[in-house]
Amino acid sequence: VLLNLSRAVLPDAARRFPDLTVVLVTAPPAVLAARLAGRGRESGDDQVRRLARADFALPDGLAVRQVLNDGTPALGLVRFLAALQPERG
């Protein structure tokens, strides 16, 4: 099951789903800023607030797979799909 959750509910989700793995999709601040500016949907102040929210800590104890989304959409998709694959050991 793949869910899009707010980070505020992650502790509760982890209690309900003991095998929960978080896929955290991130990009460097400069990439995020350029993308937000390019979209033109938010004012400068709104962009600053949104960038400030992007720097956050996840609750302790979660299994996390991080996806760096700093390139093309196609590369981001490849990385995201790779993160969904089971670990091989």
PDB file of N, CA and C in Angstrom:
ATOM      1  N   VAL A   1       0.849  -1.167   0.000  1.00  0.00           N
ATOM      2  CA  VAL A   1       0.000   0.000   0.000  1.00  0.00           C
ATOM      3  C   VAL A   1       0.894   1.231   0.000  1.00  0.00           C
ATOM      4  N   LEU A   2       0.586   2.154  -0.846  1.00  0.00           N
ATOM      5  CA  LEU A   2       1.330   3.402  -0.934  1.00  0.00           C
ATOM      6  C   LEU A   2       0.403   4.526  -0.483  1.00  0.00           C
ATOM      7  N   LEU A   3       0.849   5.304   0.496  1.00  0.00           N
ATOM      8  CA  LEU A   3       0.056   6.404   1.042  1.00  0.00           C
ATOM      9  C   LEU A   3       0.841   7.699   0.976  1.00  0.00           C
ATOM     10  N   ASN A   4       0.146   8.787   0.790  1.00  0.00           N
ATOM     11  CA  ASN A   4       0.739  10.112   0.873  1.00  0.00           C
ATOM     12  C   ASN A   4       0.249  10.715   2.187  1.00  0.00           C
ATOM     13  N   LEU A   5       1.145  10.794   3.170  1.00  0.00           N
ATOM     14  CA  LEU A   5       0.745  11.234   4.505  1.00  0.00           C
ATOM     15  C   LEU A   5       1.459  12.518   4.914  1.00  0.00           C
ATOM     16  N   SER A   6       0.803  13.257   5.770  1.00  0.00           N
ATOM     17  CA  SER A   6       1.439  14.397   6.419  1.00  0.00           C
ATOM     18  C   SER A   6       2.451  13.866   7.425  1.00  0.00           C
ATOM     19  N   ARG A   7       3.571  14.559   7.544  1.00  0.00           N
ATOM     20  CA  ARG A   7       4.562  14.092   8.524  1.00  0.00           C
ATOM     21  C   ARG A   7       4.017  14.162   9.950  1.00  0.00           C
ATOM     22  N   ALA A   8       2.980  14.965  10.181  1.00  0.00           N
ATOM     23  CA  ALA A   8       2.387  15.063  11.518  1.00  0.00           C
ATOM     24  C   ALA A   8       1.720  13.757  11.954  1.00  0.00           C
ATOM     25  N   VAL A   9       1.283  12.935  11.020  1.00  0.00           N
ATOM     26  CA  VAL A   9       0.595  11.691  11.376  1.00  0.00           C
ATOM     27  C   VAL A   9       1.523  10.472  11.329  1.00  0.00           C
ATOM     28  N   LEU A  10       2.787  10.674  11.000  1.00  0.00           N
ATOM     29  CA  LEU A  10       3.698   9.535  10.882  1.00  0.00           C
ATOM     30  C   LEU A  10       3.845   8.716  12.173  1.00  0.00           C
ATOM     31  N   PRO A  11       3.942   9.333  13.349  1.00  0.00           N
ATOM     32  CA  PRO A  11       4.042   8.501  14.559  1.00  0.00           C
ATOM     33  C   PRO A  11       2.839   7.578  14.733  1.00  0.00           C
ATOM     34  N   ASP A  12       1.645   8.092  14.500  1.00  0.00           N
ATOM     35  CA  ASP A  12       0.444   7.268  14.614  1.00  0.00           C
ATOM     36  C   ASP A  12       0.433   6.182  13.539  1.00  0.00           C
ATOM     37  N   ALA A  13       0.822   6.527  12.324  1.00  0.00           N
ATOM     38  CA  ALA A  13       0.867   5.543  11.239  1.00  0.00           C
ATOM     39  C   ALA A  13       1.857   4.434  11.570  1.00  0.00           C
ATOM     40  N   ALA A  14       2.997   4.778  12.163  1.00  0.00           N
ATOM     41  CA  ALA A  14       3.999   3.773  12.521  1.00  0.00           C
ATOM     42  C   ALA A  14       3.475   2.819  13.593  1.00  0.00           C
ATOM     43  N   ARG A  15       2.654   3.336  14.510  1.00  0.00           N
ATOM     44  CA  ARG A  15       2.049   2.459  15.527  1.00  0.00           C
ATOM     45  C   ARG A  15       1.034   1.511  14.890  1.00  0.00           C
ATOM     46  N   ARG A  16       0.268   2.024  13.949  1.00  0.00           N
ATOM     47  CA  ARG A  16      -0.767   1.204  13.299  1.00  0.00           C
ATOM     48  C   ARG A  16      -0.190   0.213  12.289  1.00  0.00           C
ATOM     49  N   PHE A  17       0.927   0.595  11.670  1.00  0.00           N
ATOM     50  CA  PHE A  17       1.543  -0.227  10.627  1.00  0.00           C
ATOM     51  C   PHE A  17       3.010  -0.447  10.997  1.00  0.00           C
ATOM     52  N   PRO A  18       3.296  -1.494  11.776  1.00  0.00           N
ATOM     53  CA  PRO A  18       4.659  -1.699  12.278  1.00  0.00           C
ATOM     54  C   PRO A  18       5.723  -1.837  11.189  1.00  0.00           C
ATOM     55  N   ASP A  19       5.347  -2.256   9.985  1.00  0.00           N
ATOM     56  CA  ASP A  19       6.312  -2.401   8.894  1.00  0.00           C
ATOM     57  C   ASP A  19       6.390  -1.163   8.004  1.00  0.00           C
ATOM     58  N   LEU A  20       5.872  -0.050   8.490  1.00  0.00           N
ATOM     59  CA  LEU A  20       5.852   1.184   7.711  1.00  0.00           C
ATOM     60  C   LEU A  20       7.260   1.600   7.295  1.00  0.00           C
ATOM     61  N   THR A  21       7.410   1.937   6.037  1.00  0.00           N
ATOM     62  CA  THR A  21       8.641   2.538   5.530  1.00  0.00           C
ATOM     63  C   THR A  21       8.265   3.850   4.868  1.00  0.00           C
ATOM     64  N   VAL A  22       8.936   4.908   5.253  1.00  0.00           N
ATOM     65  CA  VAL A  22       8.687   6.233   4.703  1.00  0.00           C
ATOM     66  C   VAL A  22       9.608   6.435   3.498  1.00  0.00           C
ATOM     67  N   VAL A  23       9.034   6.872   2.388  1.00  0.00           N
ATOM     68  CA  VAL A  23       9.827   7.271   1.231  1.00  0.00           C
ATOM     69  C   VAL A  23       9.825   8.801   1.233  1.00  0.00           C
ATOM     70  N   LEU A  24      10.955   9.362   1.552  1.00  0.00           N
ATOM     71  CA  LEU A  24      11.090  10.816   1.685  1.00  0.00           C
ATOM     72  C   LEU A  24      11.698  11.367   0.406  1.00  0.00           C
ATOM     73  N   VAL A  25      10.915  12.139  -0.320  1.00  0.00           N
ATOM     74  CA  VAL A  25      11.380  12.740  -1.579  1.00  0.00           C
ATOM     75  C   VAL A  25      11.838  14.160  -1.271  1.00  0.00           C
ATOM     76  N   THR A  26      13.110  14.441  -1.567  1.00  0.00           N
ATOM     77  CA  THR A  26      13.677  15.745  -1.254  1.00  0.00           C
ATOM     78  C   THR A  26      14.447  16.293  -2.451  1.00  0.00           C
ATOM     79  N   ALA A  27      14.727  17.574  -2.373  1.00  0.00           N
ATOM     80  CA  ALA A  27      15.581  18.244  -3.358  1.00  0.00           C
ATOM     81  C   ALA A  27      16.354  19.327  -2.616  1.00  0.00           C
ATOM     82  N   PRO A  28      17.530  19.691  -3.100  1.00  0.00           N
ATOM     83  CA  PRO A  28      18.299  20.769  -2.464  1.00  0.00           C
ATOM     84  C   PRO A  28      17.500  22.078  -2.477  1.00  0.00           C
ATOM     85  N   PRO A  29      17.722  22.941  -1.474  1.00  0.00           N
ATOM     86  CA  PRO A  29      16.975  24.192  -1.398  1.00  0.00           C
ATOM     87  C   PRO A  29      17.030  25.024  -2.681  1.00  0.00           C
ATOM     88  N   ALA A  30      18.173  25.081  -3.331  1.00  0.00           N
ATOM     89  CA  ALA A  30      18.282  25.881  -4.561  1.00  0.00           C
ATOM     90  C   ALA A  30      17.390  25.318  -5.666  1.00  0.00           C
ATOM     91  N   VAL A  31      17.298  24.011  -5.751  1.00  0.00           N
ATOM     92  CA  VAL A  31      16.431  23.377  -6.754  1.00  0.00           C
ATOM     93  C   VAL A  31      14.970  23.661  -6.427  1.00  0.00           C
ATOM     94  N   LEU A  32      14.605  23.522  -5.153  1.00  0.00           N
ATOM     95  CA  LEU A  32      13.221  23.824  -4.747  1.00  0.00           C
ATOM     96  C   LEU A  32      12.862  25.277  -5.043  1.00  0.00           C
ATOM     97  N   ALA A  33      13.770  26.188  -4.716  1.00  0.00           N
ATOM     98  CA  ALA A  33      13.513  27.613  -4.945  1.00  0.00           C
ATOM     99  C   ALA A  33      13.309  27.893  -6.432  1.00  0.00           C
ATOM    100  N   ALA A  34      14.145  27.318  -7.269  1.00  0.00           N
ATOM    101  CA  ALA A  34      14.017  27.536  -8.716  1.00  0.00           C
ATOM    102  C   ALA A  34      12.695  26.963  -9.236  1.00  0.00           C
ATOM    103  N   ARG A  35      12.312  25.803  -8.744  1.00  0.00           N
ATOM    104  CA  ARG A  35      11.049  25.199  -9.186  1.00  0.00           C
ATOM    105  C   ARG A  35       9.849  26.035  -8.761  1.00  0.00           C
ATOM    106  N   LEU A  36       9.861  26.495  -7.514  1.00  0.00           N
ATOM    107  CA  LEU A  36       8.755  27.326  -7.037  1.00  0.00           C
ATOM    108  C   LEU A  36       8.662  28.626  -7.831  1.00  0.00           C
ATOM    109  N   ALA A  37       9.791  29.255  -8.060  1.00  0.00           N
ATOM    110  CA  ALA A  37       9.804  30.516  -8.816  1.00  0.00           C
ATOM    111  C   ALA A  37       9.328  30.283 -10.241  1.00  0.00           C
ATOM    112  N   GLY A  38       9.736  29.180 -10.827  1.00  0.00           N
ATOM    113  CA  GLY A  38       9.345  28.869 -12.198  1.00  0.00           C
ATOM    114  C   GLY A  38       7.866  28.601 -12.365  1.00  0.00           C
ATOM    115  N   ARG A  39       7.242  28.104 -11.327  1.00  0.00           N
ATOM    116  CA  ARG A  39       5.799  27.819 -11.406  1.00  0.00           C
ATOM    117  C   ARG A  39       4.976  29.097 -11.393  1.00  0.00           C
ATOM    118  N   GLY A  40       5.452  30.091 -10.654  1.00  0.00           N
ATOM    119  CA  GLY A  40       4.760  31.369 -10.610  1.00  0.00           C
ATOM    120  C   GLY A  40       3.403  31.340  -9.935  1.00  0.00           C
ATOM    121  N   ARG A  41       3.159  30.361  -9.105  1.00  0.00           N
ATOM    122  CA  ARG A  41       1.845  30.237  -8.452  1.00  0.00           C
ATOM    123  C   ARG A  41       1.805  30.879  -7.082  1.00  0.00           C
ATOM    124  N   GLU A  42       2.984  31.160  -6.515  1.00  0.00           N
ATOM    125  CA  GLU A  42       3.037  31.683  -5.156  1.00  0.00           C
ATOM    126  C   GLU A  42       3.841  32.976  -5.135  1.00  0.00           C
ATOM    127  N   SER A  43       3.468  33.853  -4.193  1.00  0.00           N
ATOM    128  CA  SER A  43       4.219  35.097  -4.038  1.00  0.00           C
ATOM    129  C   SER A  43       5.602  34.774  -3.484  1.00  0.00           C
ATOM    130  N   GLY A  44       6.476  35.760  -3.514  1.00  0.00           N
ATOM    131  CA  GLY A  44       7.814  35.586  -2.966  1.00  0.00           C
ATOM    132  C   GLY A  44       7.786  35.185  -1.500  1.00  0.00           C
ATOM    133  N   ASP A  45       6.908  35.827  -0.714  1.00  0.00           N
ATOM    134  CA  ASP A  45       6.790  35.487   0.709  1.00  0.00           C
ATOM    135  C   ASP A  45       6.290  34.059   0.893  1.00  0.00           C
ATOM    136  N   ASP A  46       5.326  33.644   0.085  1.00  0.00           N
ATOM    137  CA  ASP A  46       4.815  32.274   0.165  1.00  0.00           C
ATOM    138  C   ASP A  46       5.910  31.264  -0.181  1.00  0.00           C
ATOM    139  N   GLN A  47       6.736  31.606  -1.147  1.00  0.00           N
ATOM    140  CA  GLN A  47       7.837  30.716  -1.521  1.00  0.00           C
ATOM    141  C   GLN A  47       8.830  30.575  -0.365  1.00  0.00           C
ATOM    142  N   VAL A  48       9.134  31.678   0.295  1.00  0.00           N
ATOM    143  CA  VAL A  48      10.060  31.645   1.433  1.00  0.00           C
ATOM    144  C   VAL A  48       9.498  30.763   2.542  1.00  0.00           C
ATOM    145  N   ARG A  49       8.209  30.896   2.841  1.00  0.00           N
ATOM    146  CA  ARG A  49       7.590  30.067   3.881  1.00  0.00           C
ATOM    147  C   ARG A  49       7.611  28.594   3.483  1.00  0.00           C
ATOM    148  N   ARG A  50       7.336  28.321   2.228  1.00  0.00           N
ATOM    149  CA  ARG A  50       7.331  26.931   1.759  1.00  0.00           C
ATOM    150  C   ARG A  50       8.733  26.318   1.837  1.00  0.00           C
ATOM    151  N   LEU A  51       9.739  27.076   1.470  1.00  0.00           N
ATOM    152  CA  LEU A  51      11.113  26.583   1.573  1.00  0.00           C
ATOM    153  C   LEU A  51      11.508  26.328   3.028  1.00  0.00           C
ATOM    154  N   ALA A  52      11.041  27.161   3.937  1.00  0.00           N
ATOM    155  CA  ALA A  52      11.341  26.967   5.359  1.00  0.00           C
ATOM    156  C   ALA A  52      10.717  25.674   5.871  1.00  0.00           C
ATOM    157  N   ARG A  53       9.533  25.333   5.375  1.00  0.00           N
ATOM    158  CA  ARG A  53       8.867  24.089   5.789  1.00  0.00           C
ATOM    159  C   ARG A  53       9.561  22.853   5.233  1.00  0.00           C
ATOM    160  N   ALA A  54      10.338  23.002   4.184  1.00  0.00           N
ATOM    161  CA  ALA A  54      10.989  21.850   3.549  1.00  0.00           C
ATOM    162  C   ALA A  54      12.114  21.293   4.411  1.00  0.00           C
ATOM    163  N   ASP A  55      12.628  22.076   5.330  1.00  0.00           N
ATOM    164  CA  ASP A  55      13.706  21.628   6.211  1.00  0.00           C
ATOM    165  C   ASP A  55      13.085  21.153   7.520  1.00  0.00           C
ATOM    166  N   PHE A  56      12.896  19.844   7.650  1.00  0.00           N
ATOM    167  CA  PHE A  56      12.233  19.299   8.821  1.00  0.00           C
ATOM    168  C   PHE A  56      12.876  17.978   9.200  1.00  0.00           C
ATOM    169  N   ALA A  57      12.631  17.585  10.420  1.00  0.00           N
ATOM    170  CA  ALA A  57      13.122  16.295  10.901  1.00  0.00           C
ATOM    171  C   ALA A  57      11.942  15.338  10.992  1.00  0.00           C
ATOM    172  N   LEU A  58      12.169  14.110  10.602  1.00  0.00           N
ATOM    173  CA  LEU A  58      11.158  13.076  10.764  1.00  0.00           C
ATOM    174  C   LEU A  58      11.213  12.534  12.190  1.00  0.00           C
ATOM    175  N   PRO A  59      10.105  11.985  12.670  1.00  0.00           N
ATOM    176  CA  PRO A  59      10.134  11.379  14.003  1.00  0.00           C
ATOM    177  C   PRO A  59      11.179  10.255  14.071  1.00  0.00           C
ATOM    178  N   ASP A  60      11.774  10.089  15.224  1.00  0.00           N
ATOM    179  CA  ASP A  60      12.773   9.034  15.421  1.00  0.00           C
ATOM    180  C   ASP A  60      12.141   7.653  15.268  1.00  0.00           C
ATOM    181  N   GLY A  61      12.976   6.711  14.850  1.00  0.00           N
ATOM    182  CA  GLY A  61      12.561   5.323  14.827  1.00  0.00           C
ATOM    183  C   GLY A  61      11.878   4.852  13.559  1.00  0.00           C
ATOM    184  N   LEU A  62      11.720   5.712  12.584  1.00  0.00           N
ATOM    185  CA  LEU A  62      11.065   5.315  11.340  1.00  0.00           C
ATOM    186  C   LEU A  62      12.070   4.713  10.362  1.00  0.00           C
ATOM    187  N   ALA A  63      11.615   3.729   9.608  1.00  0.00           N
ATOM    188  CA  ALA A  63      12.404   3.233   8.487  1.00  0.00           C
ATOM    189  C   ALA A  63      12.203   4.227   7.351  1.00  0.00           C
ATOM    190  N   VAL A  64      13.288   4.751   6.815  1.00  0.00           N
ATOM    191  CA  VAL A  64      13.191   5.803   5.798  1.00  0.00           C
ATOM    192  C   VAL A  64      14.064   5.449   4.600  1.00  0.00           C
ATOM    193  N   ARG A  65      13.504   5.621   3.427  1.00  0.00           N
ATOM    194  CA  ARG A  65      14.257   5.556   2.174  1.00  0.00           C
ATOM    195  C   ARG A  65      14.151   6.936   1.550  1.00  0.00           C
ATOM    196  N   GLN A  66      15.277   7.540   1.286  1.00  0.00           N
ATOM    197  CA  GLN A  66      15.282   8.900   0.759  1.00  0.00           C
ATOM    198  C   GLN A  66      15.497   8.894  -0.748  1.00  0.00           C
ATOM    199  N   VAL A  67      14.724   9.726  -1.431  1.00  0.00           N
ATOM    200  CA  VAL A  67      14.818   9.889  -2.876  1.00  0.00           C
ATOM    201  C   VAL A  67      15.251  11.322  -3.149  1.00  0.00           C
ATOM    202  N   LEU A  68      16.379  11.478  -3.806  1.00  0.00           N
ATOM    203  CA  LEU A  68      16.848  12.806  -4.188  1.00  0.00           C
ATOM    204  C   LEU A  68      16.222  13.167  -5.537  1.00  0.00           C
ATOM    205  N   ASN A  69      15.400  14.190  -5.531  1.00  0.00           N
ATOM    206  CA  ASN A  69      14.686  14.621  -6.734  1.00  0.00           C
ATOM    207  C   ASN A  69      15.294  15.941  -7.213  1.00  0.00           C
ATOM    208  N   ASP A  70      16.493  15.853  -7.753  1.00  0.00           N
ATOM    209  CA  ASP A  70      17.205  17.060  -8.158  1.00  0.00           C
ATOM    210  C   ASP A  70      17.470  17.130  -9.655  1.00  0.00           C
ATOM    211  N   GLY A  71      16.856  16.232 -10.403  1.00  0.00           N
ATOM    212  CA  GLY A  71      17.097  16.201 -11.843  1.00  0.00           C
ATOM    213  C   GLY A  71      15.806  16.284 -12.628  1.00  0.00           C
ATOM    214  N   THR A  72      15.771  15.565 -13.716  1.00  0.00           N
ATOM    215  CA  THR A  72      14.588  15.566 -14.583  1.00  0.00           C
ATOM    216  C   THR A  72      13.458  14.771 -13.939  1.00  0.00           C
ATOM    217  N   PRO A  73      12.227  15.007 -14.377  1.00  0.00           N
ATOM    218  CA  PRO A  73      11.123  14.175 -13.878  1.00  0.00           C
ATOM    219  C   PRO A  73      11.356  12.684 -14.136  1.00  0.00           C
ATOM    220  N   ALA A  74      11.928  12.341 -15.276  1.00  0.00           N
ATOM    221  CA  ALA A  74      12.174  10.926 -15.584  1.00  0.00           C
ATOM    222  C   ALA A  74      13.165  10.319 -14.593  1.00  0.00           C
ATOM    223  N   LEU A  75      14.216  11.051 -14.261  1.00  0.00           N
ATOM    224  CA  LEU A  75      15.193  10.554 -13.295  1.00  0.00           C
ATOM    225  C   LEU A  75      14.553  10.440 -11.910  1.00  0.00           C
ATOM    226  N   GLY A  76      13.746  11.418 -11.538  1.00  0.00           N
ATOM    227  CA  GLY A  76      13.045  11.360 -10.254  1.00  0.00           C
ATOM    228  C   GLY A  76      12.151  10.140 -10.160  1.00  0.00           C
ATOM    229  N   LEU A  77      11.466   9.819 -11.242  1.00  0.00           N
ATOM    230  CA  LEU A  77      10.591   8.646 -11.256  1.00  0.00           C
ATOM    231  C   LEU A  77      11.406   7.366 -11.113  1.00  0.00           C
ATOM    232  N   VAL A  78      12.510   7.273 -11.809  1.00  0.00           N
ATOM    233  CA  VAL A  78      13.374   6.087 -11.697  1.00  0.00           C
ATOM    234  C   VAL A  78      13.834   5.911 -10.244  1.00  0.00           C
ATOM    235  N   ARG A  79      14.262   6.986  -9.628  1.00  0.00           N
ATOM    236  CA  ARG A  79      14.727   6.914  -8.241  1.00  0.00           C
ATOM    237  C   ARG A  79      13.599   6.542  -7.287  1.00  0.00           C
ATOM    238  N   PHE A  80      12.417   7.107  -7.518  1.00  0.00           N
ATOM    239  CA  PHE A  80      11.269   6.805  -6.666  1.00  0.00           C
ATOM    240  C   PHE A  80      10.878   5.334  -6.786  1.00  0.00           C
ATOM    241  N   LEU A  81      10.795   4.839  -7.998  1.00  0.00           N
ATOM    242  CA  LEU A  81      10.440   3.433  -8.200  1.00  0.00           C
ATOM    243  C   LEU A  81      11.489   2.510  -7.595  1.00  0.00           C
ATOM    244  N   ALA A  82      12.755   2.884  -7.661  1.00  0.00           N
ATOM    245  CA  ALA A  82      13.810   2.080  -7.050  1.00  0.00           C
ATOM    246  C   ALA A  82      13.631   2.029  -5.533  1.00  0.00           C
ATOM    247  N   ALA A  83      13.209   3.138  -4.928  1.00  0.00           N
ATOM    248  CA  ALA A  83      12.993   3.176  -3.484  1.00  0.00           C
ATOM    249  C   ALA A  83      11.845   2.282  -3.041  1.00  0.00           C
ATOM    250  N   LEU A  84      10.920   2.006  -3.941  1.00  0.00           N
ATOM    251  CA  LEU A  84       9.784   1.140  -3.614  1.00  0.00           C
ATOM    252  C   LEU A  84      10.124  -0.340  -3.687  1.00  0.00           C
ATOM    253  N   GLN A  85      11.260  -0.669  -4.250  1.00  0.00           N
ATOM    254  CA  GLN A  85      11.645  -2.074  -4.394  1.00  0.00           C
ATOM    255  C   GLN A  85      12.116  -2.638  -3.063  1.00  0.00           C
ATOM    256  N   PRO A  86      11.826  -3.921  -2.818  1.00  0.00           N
ATOM    257  CA  PRO A  86      12.309  -4.525  -1.579  1.00  0.00           C
ATOM    258  C   PRO A  86      13.828  -4.574  -1.544  1.00  0.00           C
ATOM    259  N   GLU A  87      14.361  -4.460  -0.343  1.00  0.00           N
ATOM    260  CA  GLU A  87      15.809  -4.544  -0.211  1.00  0.00           C
ATOM    261  C   GLU A  87      16.252  -5.974  -0.469  1.00  0.00           C
ATOM    262  N   ARG A  88      17.356  -6.088  -1.127  1.00  0.00           N
ATOM    263  CA  ARG A  88      17.904  -7.422  -1.422  1.00  0.00           C
ATOM    264  C   ARG A  88      19.115  -7.656  -0.548  1.00  0.00           C
ATOM    265  N   GLY A  89      19.161  -8.814   0.048  1.00  0.00           N
ATOM    266  CA  GLY A  89      20.277  -9.053   0.940  1.00  0.00           C
ATOM    267  C   GLY A  89      20.760 -10.383   0.825  1.00  0.00           C
TER     268      GLY A  89
END
